[in-house]
Amino acid sequence: MAGFRFRPQAALDLRRREEDAARLVLAEARAGSDRADAAVQAAHAAFDAAAARASAADAAGGDVTVAIWYRN
């Protein structure tokens, strides 16, 4: 039976491939996180704009007939 022979280059190559794969997964996760954060920021901005328009519409008042129309 042949004795154990340590091949460091093969082990280093395997480790490098695993590390490269892990970096790729991390980069994809960060990109997804950045896209989600941008979507959340856009949703917050849209909500704030809609709330400001609603507040302005409430403050402006209006015709009583329109209020009754939408109430009914």
C-alpha atoms as a PDB file:
ATOM      1  CA  MET A   1       0.000   0.000   0.000  1.00  0.00           C
ATOM      2  CA  ALA A   2       1.298   3.405  -0.959  1.00  0.00           C
ATOM      3  CA  GLY A   3       1.890   5.895   1.776  1.00  0.00           C
ATOM      4  CA  PHE A   4      -0.080   9.096   2.213  1.00  0.00           C
ATOM      5  CA  ARG A   5       1.161  11.908   0.056  1.00  0.00           C
ATOM      6  CA  PHE A   6      -0.095  15.411   0.770  1.00  0.00           C
ATOM      7  CA  ARG A   7      -0.679  17.444  -2.349  1.00  0.00           C
ATOM      8  CA  PRO A   8      -0.955  21.037  -1.177  1.00  0.00           C
ATOM      9  CA  GLN A   9      -1.604  22.521  -4.623  1.00  0.00           C
ATOM     10  CA  ALA A  10      -4.733  20.417  -5.133  1.00  0.00           C
ATOM     11  CA  ALA A  11      -6.010  21.419  -1.693  1.00  0.00           C
ATOM     12  CA  LEU A  12      -5.255  25.079  -2.377  1.00  0.00           C
ATOM     13  CA  ASP A  13      -7.006  24.920  -5.755  1.00  0.00           C
ATOM     14  CA  LEU A  14     -10.084  23.364  -4.161  1.00  0.00           C
ATOM     15  CA  ARG A  15     -10.130  26.003  -1.456  1.00  0.00           C
ATOM     16  CA  ARG A  16      -9.730  28.778  -4.031  1.00  0.00           C
ATOM     17  CA  ARG A  17     -12.670  27.432  -6.089  1.00  0.00           C
ATOM     18  CA  GLU A  18     -14.827  27.226  -2.960  1.00  0.00           C
ATOM     19  CA  GLU A  19     -13.875  30.762  -1.977  1.00  0.00           C
ATOM     20  CA  ASP A  20     -14.613  32.098  -5.474  1.00  0.00           C
ATOM     21  CA  ALA A  21     -18.020  30.403  -5.425  1.00  0.00           C
ATOM     22  CA  ALA A  22     -18.747  31.888  -1.995  1.00  0.00           C
ATOM     23  CA  ARG A  23     -17.747  35.360  -3.223  1.00  0.00           C
ATOM     24  CA  LEU A  24     -20.092  35.009  -6.186  1.00  0.00           C
ATOM     25  CA  VAL A  25     -22.985  34.019  -3.916  1.00  0.00           C
ATOM     26  CA  LEU A  26     -22.205  36.933  -1.600  1.00  0.00           C
ATOM     27  CA  ALA A  27     -22.074  39.392  -4.509  1.00  0.00           C
ATOM     28  CA  GLU A  28     -25.436  38.154  -5.808  1.00  0.00           C
ATOM     29  CA  ALA A  29     -26.951  38.439  -2.340  1.00  0.00           C
ATOM     30  CA  ARG A  30     -25.627  41.970  -1.915  1.00  0.00           C
ATOM     31  CA  ALA A  31     -26.989  42.977  -5.330  1.00  0.00           C
ATOM     32  CA  GLY A  32     -30.389  41.550  -4.398  1.00  0.00           C
ATOM     33  CA  SER A  33     -30.278  43.366  -1.087  1.00  0.00           C
ATOM     34  CA  ASP A  34     -29.419  46.629  -2.837  1.00  0.00           C
ATOM     35  CA  ARG A  35     -32.311  46.169  -5.281  1.00  0.00           C
ATOM     36  CA  ALA A  36     -34.695  45.453  -2.415  1.00  0.00           C
ATOM     37  CA  ASP A  37     -33.464  48.496  -0.517  1.00  0.00           C
ATOM     38  CA  ALA A  38     -34.004  50.684  -3.588  1.00  0.00           C
ATOM     39  CA  ALA A  39     -37.526  49.293  -3.982  1.00  0.00           C
ATOM     40  CA  VAL A  40     -38.302  50.027  -0.331  1.00  0.00           C
ATOM     41  CA  GLN A  41     -36.962  53.574  -0.659  1.00  0.00           C
ATOM     42  CA  ALA A  42     -39.073  54.116  -3.786  1.00  0.00           C
ATOM     43  CA  ALA A  43     -42.158  52.779  -2.008  1.00  0.00           C
ATOM     44  CA  HIS A  44     -41.558  55.094   0.944  1.00  0.00           C
ATOM     45  CA  ALA A  45     -41.143  58.058  -1.409  1.00  0.00           C
ATOM     46  CA  ALA A  46     -44.340  57.167  -3.281  1.00  0.00           C
ATOM     47  CA  PHE A  47     -46.220  56.791   0.000  1.00  0.00           C
ATOM     48  CA  ASP A  48     -44.951  60.141   1.271  1.00  0.00           C
ATOM     49  CA  ALA A  49     -45.923  61.846  -2.004  1.00  0.00           C
ATOM     50  CA  ALA A  50     -49.406  60.305  -1.934  1.00  0.00           C
ATOM     51  CA  ALA A  51     -49.879  61.310   1.702  1.00  0.00           C
ATOM     52  CA  ALA A  52     -48.841  64.877   0.852  1.00  0.00           C
ATOM     53  CA  ARG A  53     -51.310  64.996  -2.057  1.00  0.00           C
ATOM     54  CA  ALA A  54     -54.086  63.611   0.130  1.00  0.00           C
ATOM     55  CA  SER A  55     -53.313  66.140   2.832  1.00  0.00           C
ATOM     56  CA  ALA A  56     -53.348  68.974   0.306  1.00  0.00           C
ATOM     57  CA  ALA A  57     -56.654  67.745  -1.129  1.00  0.00           C
ATOM     58  CA  ASP A  58     -58.193  67.596   2.345  1.00  0.00           C
ATOM     59  CA  ALA A  59     -56.911  71.059   3.189  1.00  0.00           C
ATOM     60  CA  ALA A  60     -58.214  72.540  -0.061  1.00  0.00           C
ATOM     61  CA  GLY A  61     -61.776  71.643   0.755  1.00  0.00           C
ATOM     62  CA  GLY A  62     -64.136  71.331  -2.128  1.00  0.00           C
ATOM     63  CA  ASP A  63     -67.652  71.110  -3.291  1.00  0.00           C
ATOM     64  CA  VAL A  64     -70.130  69.487  -0.930  1.00  0.00           C
ATOM     65  CA  THR A  65     -71.701  67.635  -3.837  1.00  0.00           C
ATOM     66  CA  VAL A  66     -68.390  65.881  -4.567  1.00  0.00           C
ATOM     67  CA  ALA A  67     -68.038  64.829  -0.928  1.00  0.00           C
ATOM     68  CA  ILE A  68     -71.556  63.420  -0.883  1.00  0.00           C
ATOM     69  CA  TRP A  69     -70.966  61.696  -4.226  1.00  0.00           C
ATOM     70  CA  TYR A  70     -67.901  59.841  -2.996  1.00  0.00           C
ATOM     71  CA  ARG A  71     -69.449  59.102   0.375  1.00  0.00           C
ATOM     72  CA  ASN A  72     -72.381  57.373  -1.218  1.00  0.00           C
END
